[in-house]
Amino acid sequence: MTTDKRNLYRLDELSDYKVASHYSDVRDWDLIDADSNKIGKIDNLLVNKATERVVYLDVEVNEELIKKGHETYNTPSNEGVHEFLNKDGENHLIVPIGAVTIDDDNKKVVSNLINFDTFSNTNRFEKGAAIDRDYEVKILGVYFPEDNEYHEDDDDFYNKRHFNHKR
């Protein structure tokens, strides 16, 4: 991932930014899918400085999801080389803030829109890697294949529904 046109910053990189007082700081909370599977732990919040808001959760995924994500593509052995979707050390993924519900009472974040299998088949990255727009578009295509509204050069990219957090 490149850093030429950086759209996202980790909240802990921005000393003059903090979680608004009327929102919970969900870092270190678990991300759970609709079937109550633990996807991982929220490691950081990704902020778009132009919109001055959190647009993604940076999630360190759990070991079960990593194991499932290391399964080779479904290519018969007689059809050549098998590749892995993710490499060792790639144990983070992003989740749009509008795709989750924050459960303040139980201190967890729930994704009813994205399931375990989809998370396991998502390209991950190493902790601290820069996130570029190309990666964002690819991830959104995996999470929401029915949507084709995301484009790399879209000025209103973060005004789409998956970035609008509902309280």
N, C-alpha and C. Protein backbone atom coordinates (compact mmCIF):
# COMPACT_ATOMS: atom_id res chain seq x y z
N MET A 1 0.84 -1.17 0.00
CA MET A 1 0.00 0.00 0.00
C MET A 1 0.89 1.24 0.00
N THR A 2 0.50 2.21 -0.75
CA THR A 2 1.31 3.41 -0.88
C THR A 2 0.82 4.50 0.07
N THR A 3 1.61 5.55 0.18
CA THR A 3 1.23 6.67 1.03
C THR A 3 1.17 7.97 0.25
N ASP A 4 1.15 7.91 -1.10
CA ASP A 4 1.15 9.11 -1.92
C ASP A 4 -0.01 10.04 -1.57
N LYS A 5 -1.20 9.55 -1.58
CA LYS A 5 -2.40 10.33 -1.28
C LYS A 5 -3.03 9.74 -0.03
N ARG A 6 -2.52 10.07 1.08
CA ARG A 6 -2.97 9.48 2.33
C ARG A 6 -4.30 10.10 2.74
N ASN A 7 -5.29 9.23 2.90
CA ASN A 7 -6.63 9.65 3.32
C ASN A 7 -6.91 9.33 4.77
N LEU A 8 -6.17 8.38 5.33
CA LEU A 8 -6.47 7.86 6.66
C LEU A 8 -5.28 7.98 7.60
N TYR A 9 -5.61 8.28 8.85
CA TYR A 9 -4.61 8.37 9.91
C TYR A 9 -5.14 7.61 11.12
N ARG A 10 -4.25 6.92 11.81
CA ARG A 10 -4.65 6.26 13.05
C ARG A 10 -4.83 7.32 14.11
N LEU A 11 -5.86 7.17 14.93
CA LEU A 11 -6.16 8.17 15.93
C LEU A 11 -4.96 8.43 16.83
N ASP A 12 -4.20 7.40 17.16
CA ASP A 12 -3.06 7.61 18.06
C ASP A 12 -1.90 8.35 17.39
N GLU A 13 -1.98 8.60 16.07
CA GLU A 13 -0.99 9.42 15.37
C GLU A 13 -1.32 10.91 15.47
N LEU A 14 -2.55 11.22 15.80
CA LEU A 14 -3.04 12.59 15.75
C LEU A 14 -3.22 13.14 17.16
N SER A 15 -2.22 13.85 17.64
CA SER A 15 -2.24 14.32 19.03
C SER A 15 -3.37 15.32 19.30
N ASP A 16 -3.83 16.01 18.28
CA ASP A 16 -4.89 16.99 18.47
C ASP A 16 -6.30 16.42 18.22
N TYR A 17 -6.41 15.11 18.04
CA TYR A 17 -7.69 14.45 17.84
C TYR A 17 -7.97 13.51 19.02
N LYS A 18 -9.23 13.39 19.38
CA LYS A 18 -9.65 12.43 20.41
C LYS A 18 -11.08 12.02 20.11
N VAL A 19 -11.53 10.95 20.74
CA VAL A 19 -12.90 10.48 20.57
C VAL A 19 -13.83 11.51 21.21
N ALA A 20 -14.86 11.90 20.49
CA ALA A 20 -15.83 12.86 21.02
C ALA A 20 -16.46 12.34 22.30
N SER A 21 -16.77 13.23 23.20
CA SER A 21 -17.25 12.84 24.54
C SER A 21 -18.56 12.04 24.50
N HIS A 22 -19.36 12.20 23.47
CA HIS A 22 -20.63 11.47 23.40
C HIS A 22 -20.50 10.12 22.66
N TYR A 23 -19.27 9.72 22.33
CA TYR A 23 -19.01 8.42 21.72
C TYR A 23 -18.10 7.60 22.62
N SER A 24 -18.23 6.31 22.56
CA SER A 24 -17.34 5.41 23.31
C SER A 24 -16.04 5.22 22.55
N ASP A 25 -14.95 5.15 23.29
CA ASP A 25 -13.67 4.80 22.70
C ASP A 25 -13.62 3.27 22.68
N VAL A 26 -13.79 2.69 21.51
CA VAL A 26 -13.96 1.23 21.38
C VAL A 26 -12.63 0.49 21.19
N ARG A 27 -11.52 1.19 21.29
CA ARG A 27 -10.23 0.51 21.19
C ARG A 27 -10.13 -0.51 22.31
N ASP A 28 -9.64 -1.69 21.97
CA ASP A 28 -9.51 -2.86 22.86
C ASP A 28 -10.83 -3.59 23.07
N TRP A 29 -11.90 -3.18 22.43
CA TRP A 29 -13.16 -3.92 22.50
C TRP A 29 -13.14 -5.00 21.43
N ASP A 30 -13.92 -6.06 21.64
CA ASP A 30 -14.05 -7.13 20.66
C ASP A 30 -14.98 -6.73 19.53
N LEU A 31 -14.65 -7.20 18.32
CA LEU A 31 -15.56 -7.10 17.18
C LEU A 31 -16.19 -8.47 17.02
N ILE A 32 -17.52 -8.50 17.02
CA ILE A 32 -18.30 -9.73 16.93
C ILE A 32 -19.15 -9.67 15.67
N ASP A 33 -19.29 -10.81 14.97
CA ASP A 33 -20.18 -10.81 13.81
C ASP A 33 -21.60 -11.17 14.24
N ALA A 34 -22.52 -11.19 13.30
CA ALA A 34 -23.94 -11.43 13.59
C ALA A 34 -24.20 -12.80 14.19
N ASP A 35 -23.30 -13.75 13.96
CA ASP A 35 -23.46 -15.11 14.51
C ASP A 35 -22.70 -15.30 15.82
N SER A 36 -22.30 -14.20 16.44
CA SER A 36 -21.58 -14.19 17.73
C SER A 36 -20.17 -14.75 17.64
N ASN A 37 -19.58 -14.77 16.46
CA ASN A 37 -18.18 -15.17 16.30
C ASN A 37 -17.29 -13.97 16.59
N LYS A 38 -16.23 -14.20 17.34
CA LYS A 38 -15.28 -13.12 17.60
C LYS A 38 -14.37 -12.97 16.39
N ILE A 39 -14.39 -11.80 15.80
CA ILE A 39 -13.56 -11.50 14.64
C ILE A 39 -12.18 -11.07 15.09
N GLY A 40 -12.13 -10.27 16.15
CA GLY A 40 -10.86 -9.78 16.66
C GLY A 40 -11.06 -8.66 17.64
N LYS A 41 -9.99 -7.92 17.89
CA LYS A 41 -10.02 -6.83 18.85
C LYS A 41 -9.73 -5.53 18.10
N ILE A 42 -10.46 -4.48 18.44
CA ILE A 42 -10.26 -3.18 17.80
C ILE A 42 -8.93 -2.61 18.31
N ASP A 43 -8.01 -2.43 17.39
CA ASP A 43 -6.67 -1.96 17.74
C ASP A 43 -6.59 -0.44 17.67
N ASN A 44 -7.29 0.15 16.69
CA ASN A 44 -7.20 1.59 16.51
C ASN A 44 -8.41 2.09 15.74
N LEU A 45 -8.54 3.39 15.67
CA LEU A 45 -9.60 4.04 14.91
C LEU A 45 -8.92 4.78 13.77
N LEU A 46 -9.48 4.67 12.57
CA LEU A 46 -8.90 5.35 11.41
C LEU A 46 -9.74 6.57 11.09
N VAL A 47 -9.06 7.71 11.04
CA VAL A 47 -9.69 9.01 10.88
C VAL A 47 -9.40 9.55 9.49
N ASN A 48 -10.42 10.15 8.88
CA ASN A 48 -10.21 10.93 7.67
C ASN A 48 -10.15 12.38 8.13
N LYS A 49 -9.00 13.03 7.94
CA LYS A 49 -8.83 14.39 8.44
C LYS A 49 -9.71 15.40 7.71
N ALA A 50 -10.01 15.16 6.44
CA ALA A 50 -10.84 16.11 5.69
C ALA A 50 -12.26 16.17 6.26
N THR A 51 -12.78 15.01 6.66
CA THR A 51 -14.14 14.98 7.23
C THR A 51 -14.12 15.08 8.75
N GLU A 52 -12.92 14.98 9.34
CA GLU A 52 -12.71 15.08 10.78
C GLU A 52 -13.57 14.09 11.57
N ARG A 53 -13.54 12.84 11.10
CA ARG A 53 -14.28 11.81 11.81
C ARG A 53 -13.68 10.43 11.57
N VAL A 54 -14.02 9.52 12.47
CA VAL A 54 -13.61 8.13 12.33
C VAL A 54 -14.41 7.50 11.20
N VAL A 55 -13.73 6.84 10.28
CA VAL A 55 -14.42 6.19 9.17
C VAL A 55 -14.22 4.67 9.16
N TYR A 56 -13.17 4.18 9.83
CA TYR A 56 -12.92 2.74 9.91
C TYR A 56 -12.46 2.35 11.31
N LEU A 57 -12.68 1.10 11.63
CA LEU A 57 -12.07 0.46 12.78
C LEU A 57 -10.91 -0.36 12.24
N ASP A 58 -9.76 -0.29 12.89
CA ASP A 58 -8.61 -1.11 12.56
C ASP A 58 -8.65 -2.29 13.53
N VAL A 59 -8.88 -3.48 13.00
CA VAL A 59 -9.11 -4.67 13.83
C VAL A 59 -7.95 -5.64 13.71
N GLU A 60 -7.42 -6.05 14.86
CA GLU A 60 -6.46 -7.14 14.89
C GLU A 60 -7.27 -8.43 14.97
N VAL A 61 -7.21 -9.24 13.93
CA VAL A 61 -8.09 -10.40 13.83
C VAL A 61 -7.63 -11.55 14.71
N ASN A 62 -8.57 -12.41 15.10
CA ASN A 62 -8.23 -13.53 15.97
C ASN A 62 -7.60 -14.67 15.17
N GLU A 63 -7.03 -15.61 15.88
CA GLU A 63 -6.27 -16.71 15.27
C GLU A 63 -7.15 -17.60 14.38
N GLU A 64 -8.38 -17.84 14.78
CA GLU A 64 -9.27 -18.70 13.97
C GLU A 64 -9.53 -18.08 12.60
N LEU A 65 -9.70 -16.79 12.56
CA LEU A 65 -9.93 -16.11 11.29
C LEU A 65 -8.67 -16.17 10.43
N ILE A 66 -7.53 -16.04 11.05
CA ILE A 66 -6.26 -16.15 10.32
C ILE A 66 -6.11 -17.54 9.72
N LYS A 67 -6.40 -18.57 10.51
CA LYS A 67 -6.29 -19.94 10.00
C LYS A 67 -7.21 -20.15 8.81
N LYS A 68 -8.44 -19.69 8.92
CA LYS A 68 -9.38 -19.85 7.82
C LYS A 68 -8.92 -19.05 6.61
N GLY A 69 -8.38 -17.87 6.83
CA GLY A 69 -7.88 -17.03 5.75
C GLY A 69 -6.64 -17.57 5.08
N HIS A 70 -5.95 -18.52 5.71
CA HIS A 70 -4.77 -19.13 5.10
C HIS A 70 -5.11 -20.36 4.27
N GLU A 71 -6.38 -20.70 4.19
CA GLU A 71 -6.75 -21.79 3.29
C GLU A 71 -6.47 -21.34 1.87
N THR A 72 -6.02 -22.26 1.05
CA THR A 72 -5.72 -21.89 -0.33
C THR A 72 -7.01 -21.67 -1.10
N TYR A 73 -6.87 -20.96 -2.20
CA TYR A 73 -8.03 -20.77 -3.08
C TYR A 73 -8.59 -22.13 -3.50
N ASN A 74 -9.83 -22.17 -3.83
CA ASN A 74 -10.47 -23.42 -4.22
C ASN A 74 -10.12 -23.81 -5.65
N THR A 75 -8.86 -24.11 -5.86
CA THR A 75 -8.37 -24.53 -7.16
C THR A 75 -7.97 -25.99 -7.05
N PRO A 76 -8.49 -26.85 -7.93
CA PRO A 76 -8.07 -28.25 -7.89
C PRO A 76 -6.56 -28.37 -8.06
N SER A 77 -5.97 -29.36 -7.41
CA SER A 77 -4.51 -29.51 -7.41
C SER A 77 -3.95 -29.71 -8.81
N ASN A 78 -4.74 -30.23 -9.73
CA ASN A 78 -4.22 -30.46 -11.07
C ASN A 78 -4.25 -29.19 -11.93
N GLU A 79 -4.70 -28.06 -11.36
CA GLU A 79 -4.77 -26.82 -12.12
C GLU A 79 -3.66 -25.84 -11.77
N GLY A 80 -2.57 -26.32 -11.23
CA GLY A 80 -1.41 -25.45 -11.06
C GLY A 80 -1.19 -24.91 -9.67
N VAL A 81 -0.55 -23.74 -9.63
CA VAL A 81 -0.08 -23.13 -8.39
C VAL A 81 -1.24 -22.70 -7.51
N HIS A 82 -1.07 -22.92 -6.20
CA HIS A 82 -2.04 -22.46 -5.21
C HIS A 82 -1.44 -21.27 -4.48
N GLU A 83 -2.24 -20.24 -4.26
CA GLU A 83 -1.75 -19.07 -3.56
C GLU A 83 -2.55 -18.85 -2.30
N PHE A 84 -1.93 -18.17 -1.35
CA PHE A 84 -2.62 -17.78 -0.14
C PHE A 84 -3.12 -16.35 -0.32
N LEU A 85 -4.27 -16.08 0.28
CA LEU A 85 -4.85 -14.75 0.20
C LEU A 85 -4.03 -13.76 1.02
N ASN A 86 -3.59 -14.17 2.20
CA ASN A 86 -2.84 -13.30 3.11
C ASN A 86 -1.52 -13.95 3.48
N LYS A 87 -0.54 -13.11 3.82
CA LYS A 87 0.78 -13.58 4.20
C LYS A 87 0.91 -13.58 5.72
N ASP A 88 1.91 -14.30 6.22
CA ASP A 88 2.19 -14.28 7.65
C ASP A 88 2.45 -12.84 8.09
N GLY A 89 1.92 -12.48 9.24
CA GLY A 89 2.09 -11.12 9.76
C GLY A 89 0.98 -10.18 9.38
N GLU A 90 0.19 -10.55 8.38
CA GLU A 90 -0.94 -9.71 7.98
C GLU A 90 -2.13 -10.12 8.83
N ASN A 91 -2.28 -9.43 9.94
CA ASN A 91 -3.31 -9.81 10.90
C ASN A 91 -4.25 -8.66 11.26
N HIS A 92 -4.34 -7.66 10.39
CA HIS A 92 -5.25 -6.54 10.61
C HIS A 92 -6.15 -6.37 9.39
N LEU A 93 -7.34 -5.87 9.64
CA LEU A 93 -8.24 -5.48 8.57
C LEU A 93 -9.03 -4.27 9.02
N ILE A 94 -9.66 -3.60 8.07
CA ILE A 94 -10.46 -2.43 8.38
C ILE A 94 -11.94 -2.76 8.20
N VAL A 95 -12.76 -2.09 9.02
CA VAL A 95 -14.21 -2.25 8.95
C VAL A 95 -14.82 -0.86 8.96
N PRO A 96 -15.67 -0.52 8.00
CA PRO A 96 -16.30 0.80 7.99
C PRO A 96 -17.15 1.01 9.25
N ILE A 97 -17.09 2.19 9.81
CA ILE A 97 -17.80 2.49 11.05
C ILE A 97 -19.31 2.36 10.89
N GLY A 98 -19.83 2.58 9.70
CA GLY A 98 -21.27 2.45 9.47
C GLY A 98 -21.75 1.02 9.35
N ALA A 99 -20.82 0.07 9.35
CA ALA A 99 -21.17 -1.35 9.22
C ALA A 99 -21.22 -2.04 10.56
N VAL A 100 -21.12 -1.27 11.65
CA VAL A 100 -21.12 -1.86 12.98
C VAL A 100 -22.09 -1.13 13.90
N THR A 101 -22.42 -1.81 14.98
CA THR A 101 -23.21 -1.24 16.06
C THR A 101 -22.36 -1.32 17.32
N ILE A 102 -22.34 -0.25 18.07
CA ILE A 102 -21.55 -0.23 19.30
C ILE A 102 -22.47 -0.60 20.46
N ASP A 103 -22.10 -1.66 21.15
CA ASP A 103 -22.84 -2.13 22.32
C ASP A 103 -22.11 -1.63 23.56
N ASP A 104 -22.48 -0.43 24.02
CA ASP A 104 -21.82 0.19 25.16
C ASP A 104 -21.97 -0.64 26.43
N ASP A 105 -23.13 -1.24 26.63
CA ASP A 105 -23.39 -1.99 27.86
C ASP A 105 -22.45 -3.18 28.02
N ASN A 106 -22.17 -3.87 26.91
CA ASN A 106 -21.32 -5.06 26.95
C ASN A 106 -19.90 -4.80 26.46
N LYS A 107 -19.61 -3.55 26.13
CA LYS A 107 -18.28 -3.15 25.64
C LYS A 107 -17.80 -4.05 24.50
N LYS A 108 -18.64 -4.09 23.46
CA LYS A 108 -18.26 -4.82 22.25
C LYS A 108 -18.87 -4.11 21.06
N VAL A 109 -18.34 -4.43 19.90
CA VAL A 109 -18.79 -3.87 18.64
C VAL A 109 -19.30 -5.03 17.80
N VAL A 110 -20.49 -4.86 17.21
CA VAL A 110 -21.13 -5.94 16.48
C VAL A 110 -21.31 -5.55 15.01
N SER A 111 -20.95 -6.47 14.13
CA SER A 111 -21.17 -6.29 12.70
C SER A 111 -22.27 -7.25 12.26
N ASN A 112 -23.44 -6.73 11.99
CA ASN A 112 -24.53 -7.55 11.48
C ASN A 112 -24.51 -7.63 9.96
N LEU A 113 -23.67 -6.84 9.32
CA LEU A 113 -23.62 -6.79 7.86
C LEU A 113 -22.55 -7.68 7.24
N ILE A 114 -21.51 -8.00 8.01
CA ILE A 114 -20.37 -8.75 7.48
C ILE A 114 -20.18 -9.99 8.36
N ASN A 115 -20.09 -11.16 7.73
CA ASN A 115 -19.99 -12.39 8.52
C ASN A 115 -18.54 -12.91 8.58
N PHE A 116 -18.35 -13.94 9.38
CA PHE A 116 -17.03 -14.52 9.63
C PHE A 116 -16.34 -14.95 8.34
N ASP A 117 -17.07 -15.64 7.46
CA ASP A 117 -16.47 -16.12 6.21
C ASP A 117 -15.98 -14.95 5.35
N THR A 118 -16.77 -13.89 5.30
CA THR A 118 -16.36 -12.73 4.52
C THR A 118 -15.12 -12.10 5.12
N PHE A 119 -15.11 -11.93 6.45
CA PHE A 119 -13.91 -11.39 7.11
C PHE A 119 -12.69 -12.26 6.84
N SER A 120 -12.86 -13.58 6.87
CA SER A 120 -11.72 -14.48 6.68
C SER A 120 -11.18 -14.44 5.25
N ASN A 121 -12.01 -14.06 4.31
CA ASN A 121 -11.60 -13.99 2.91
C ASN A 121 -11.22 -12.58 2.46
N THR A 122 -11.00 -11.71 3.43
CA THR A 122 -10.65 -10.33 3.15
C THR A 122 -9.14 -10.14 3.21
N ASN A 123 -8.60 -9.38 2.26
CA ASN A 123 -7.17 -9.07 2.32
C ASN A 123 -6.86 -8.29 3.58
N ARG A 124 -5.85 -8.77 4.29
CA ARG A 124 -5.44 -8.11 5.52
C ARG A 124 -4.12 -7.37 5.29
N PHE A 125 -3.63 -6.70 6.32
CA PHE A 125 -2.38 -5.97 6.24
C PHE A 125 -1.65 -6.09 7.56
N GLU A 126 -0.38 -5.72 7.56
CA GLU A 126 0.42 -5.73 8.78
C GLU A 126 0.10 -4.50 9.61
N LYS A 127 0.17 -4.65 10.91
CA LYS A 127 -0.10 -3.53 11.82
C LYS A 127 0.76 -2.33 11.44
N GLY A 128 0.12 -1.17 11.38
CA GLY A 128 0.83 0.07 11.10
C GLY A 128 0.99 0.39 9.63
N ALA A 129 0.62 -0.52 8.73
CA ALA A 129 0.76 -0.25 7.30
C ALA A 129 -0.16 0.89 6.88
N ALA A 130 0.30 1.70 5.95
CA ALA A 130 -0.52 2.78 5.42
C ALA A 130 -1.66 2.18 4.58
N ILE A 131 -2.82 2.77 4.70
CA ILE A 131 -4.00 2.32 3.95
C ILE A 131 -4.24 3.30 2.82
N ASP A 132 -4.22 2.82 1.59
CA ASP A 132 -4.49 3.71 0.47
C ASP A 132 -5.90 3.47 -0.07
N ARG A 133 -6.34 4.36 -0.94
CA ARG A 133 -7.72 4.30 -1.46
C ARG A 133 -7.96 3.04 -2.26
N ASP A 134 -6.95 2.56 -2.97
CA ASP A 134 -7.10 1.33 -3.74
C ASP A 134 -7.48 0.17 -2.82
N TYR A 135 -6.81 0.06 -1.68
CA TYR A 135 -7.13 -0.98 -0.71
C TYR A 135 -8.55 -0.80 -0.17
N GLU A 136 -8.92 0.43 0.13
CA GLU A 136 -10.27 0.70 0.64
C GLU A 136 -11.34 0.23 -0.35
N VAL A 137 -11.15 0.56 -1.62
CA VAL A 137 -12.12 0.19 -2.65
C VAL A 137 -12.22 -1.34 -2.76
N LYS A 138 -11.07 -2.02 -2.71
CA LYS A 138 -11.07 -3.48 -2.78
C LYS A 138 -11.82 -4.09 -1.59
N ILE A 139 -11.55 -3.58 -0.40
CA ILE A 139 -12.19 -4.11 0.81
C ILE A 139 -13.69 -3.89 0.76
N LEU A 140 -14.11 -2.71 0.38
CA LEU A 140 -15.54 -2.43 0.30
C LEU A 140 -16.22 -3.31 -0.73
N GLY A 141 -15.51 -3.66 -1.80
CA GLY A 141 -16.05 -4.58 -2.80
C GLY A 141 -16.24 -5.98 -2.26
N VAL A 142 -15.40 -6.39 -1.31
CA VAL A 142 -15.55 -7.70 -0.67
C VAL A 142 -16.70 -7.67 0.33
N TYR A 143 -16.73 -6.63 1.15
CA TYR A 143 -17.78 -6.53 2.17
C TYR A 143 -19.17 -6.30 1.58
N PHE A 144 -19.22 -5.47 0.54
CA PHE A 144 -20.51 -5.07 -0.03
C PHE A 144 -20.49 -5.21 -1.55
N PRO A 145 -20.44 -6.46 -2.04
CA PRO A 145 -20.30 -6.67 -3.49
C PRO A 145 -21.47 -6.12 -4.31
N GLU A 146 -22.60 -5.94 -3.67
CA GLU A 146 -23.76 -5.40 -4.39
C GLU A 146 -23.62 -3.90 -4.67
N ASP A 147 -22.74 -3.25 -3.96
CA ASP A 147 -22.52 -1.81 -4.17
C ASP A 147 -21.41 -1.62 -5.18
N ASN A 148 -21.62 -0.72 -6.10
CA ASN A 148 -20.54 -0.38 -7.02
C ASN A 148 -20.32 1.13 -7.01
N GLU A 149 -20.58 1.72 -5.86
CA GLU A 149 -20.54 3.17 -5.74
C GLU A 149 -19.19 3.70 -5.26
N TYR A 150 -18.20 2.83 -5.06
CA TYR A 150 -16.92 3.27 -4.53
C TYR A 150 -15.88 3.33 -5.64
N HIS A 151 -15.25 4.49 -5.76
CA HIS A 151 -14.24 4.70 -6.79
C HIS A 151 -13.05 5.43 -6.16
N GLU A 152 -11.87 5.15 -6.66
CA GLU A 152 -10.66 5.72 -6.08
C GLU A 152 -10.63 7.24 -6.12
N ASP A 153 -11.19 7.85 -7.14
CA ASP A 153 -11.08 9.30 -7.29
C ASP A 153 -12.35 10.05 -6.86
N ASP A 154 -13.19 9.44 -6.08
CA ASP A 154 -14.45 10.02 -5.65
C ASP A 154 -14.23 10.99 -4.49
N ASP A 155 -14.53 12.28 -4.70
CA ASP A 155 -14.36 13.29 -3.65
C ASP A 155 -15.32 13.09 -2.49
N ASP A 156 -16.46 12.46 -2.74
CA ASP A 156 -17.46 12.21 -1.70
C ASP A 156 -17.37 10.80 -1.13
N PHE A 157 -16.22 10.19 -1.25
CA PHE A 157 -16.02 8.80 -0.86
C PHE A 157 -16.55 8.52 0.55
N TYR A 158 -16.20 9.36 1.53
CA TYR A 158 -16.58 9.10 2.92
C TYR A 158 -17.97 9.60 3.28
N ASN A 159 -18.71 10.08 2.30
CA ASN A 159 -20.10 10.48 2.54
C ASN A 159 -21.08 9.36 2.21
N LYS A 160 -20.57 8.19 1.84
CA LYS A 160 -21.41 7.05 1.52
C LYS A 160 -21.97 6.42 2.80
N ARG A 161 -22.98 5.62 2.66
CA ARG A 161 -23.72 5.07 3.80
C ARG A 161 -22.89 4.22 4.76
N HIS A 162 -21.88 3.54 4.28
CA HIS A 162 -21.09 2.66 5.15
C HIS A 162 -20.15 3.42 6.08
N PHE A 163 -20.08 4.73 5.92
CA PHE A 163 -19.24 5.54 6.80
C PHE A 163 -20.05 6.40 7.76
N ASN A 164 -21.36 6.24 7.71
CA ASN A 164 -22.23 6.99 8.60
C ASN A 164 -22.60 6.15 9.80
N HIS A 165 -22.00 6.48 10.92
CA HIS A 165 -22.27 5.69 12.13
C HIS A 165 -23.61 6.10 12.73
N LYS A 166 -24.39 5.09 13.06
CA LYS A 166 -25.70 5.32 13.68
C LYS A 166 -25.57 5.02 15.18
N ARG A 167 -26.07 5.90 16.01
CA ARG A 167 -26.04 5.68 17.46
C ARG A 167 -27.32 5.06 17.91
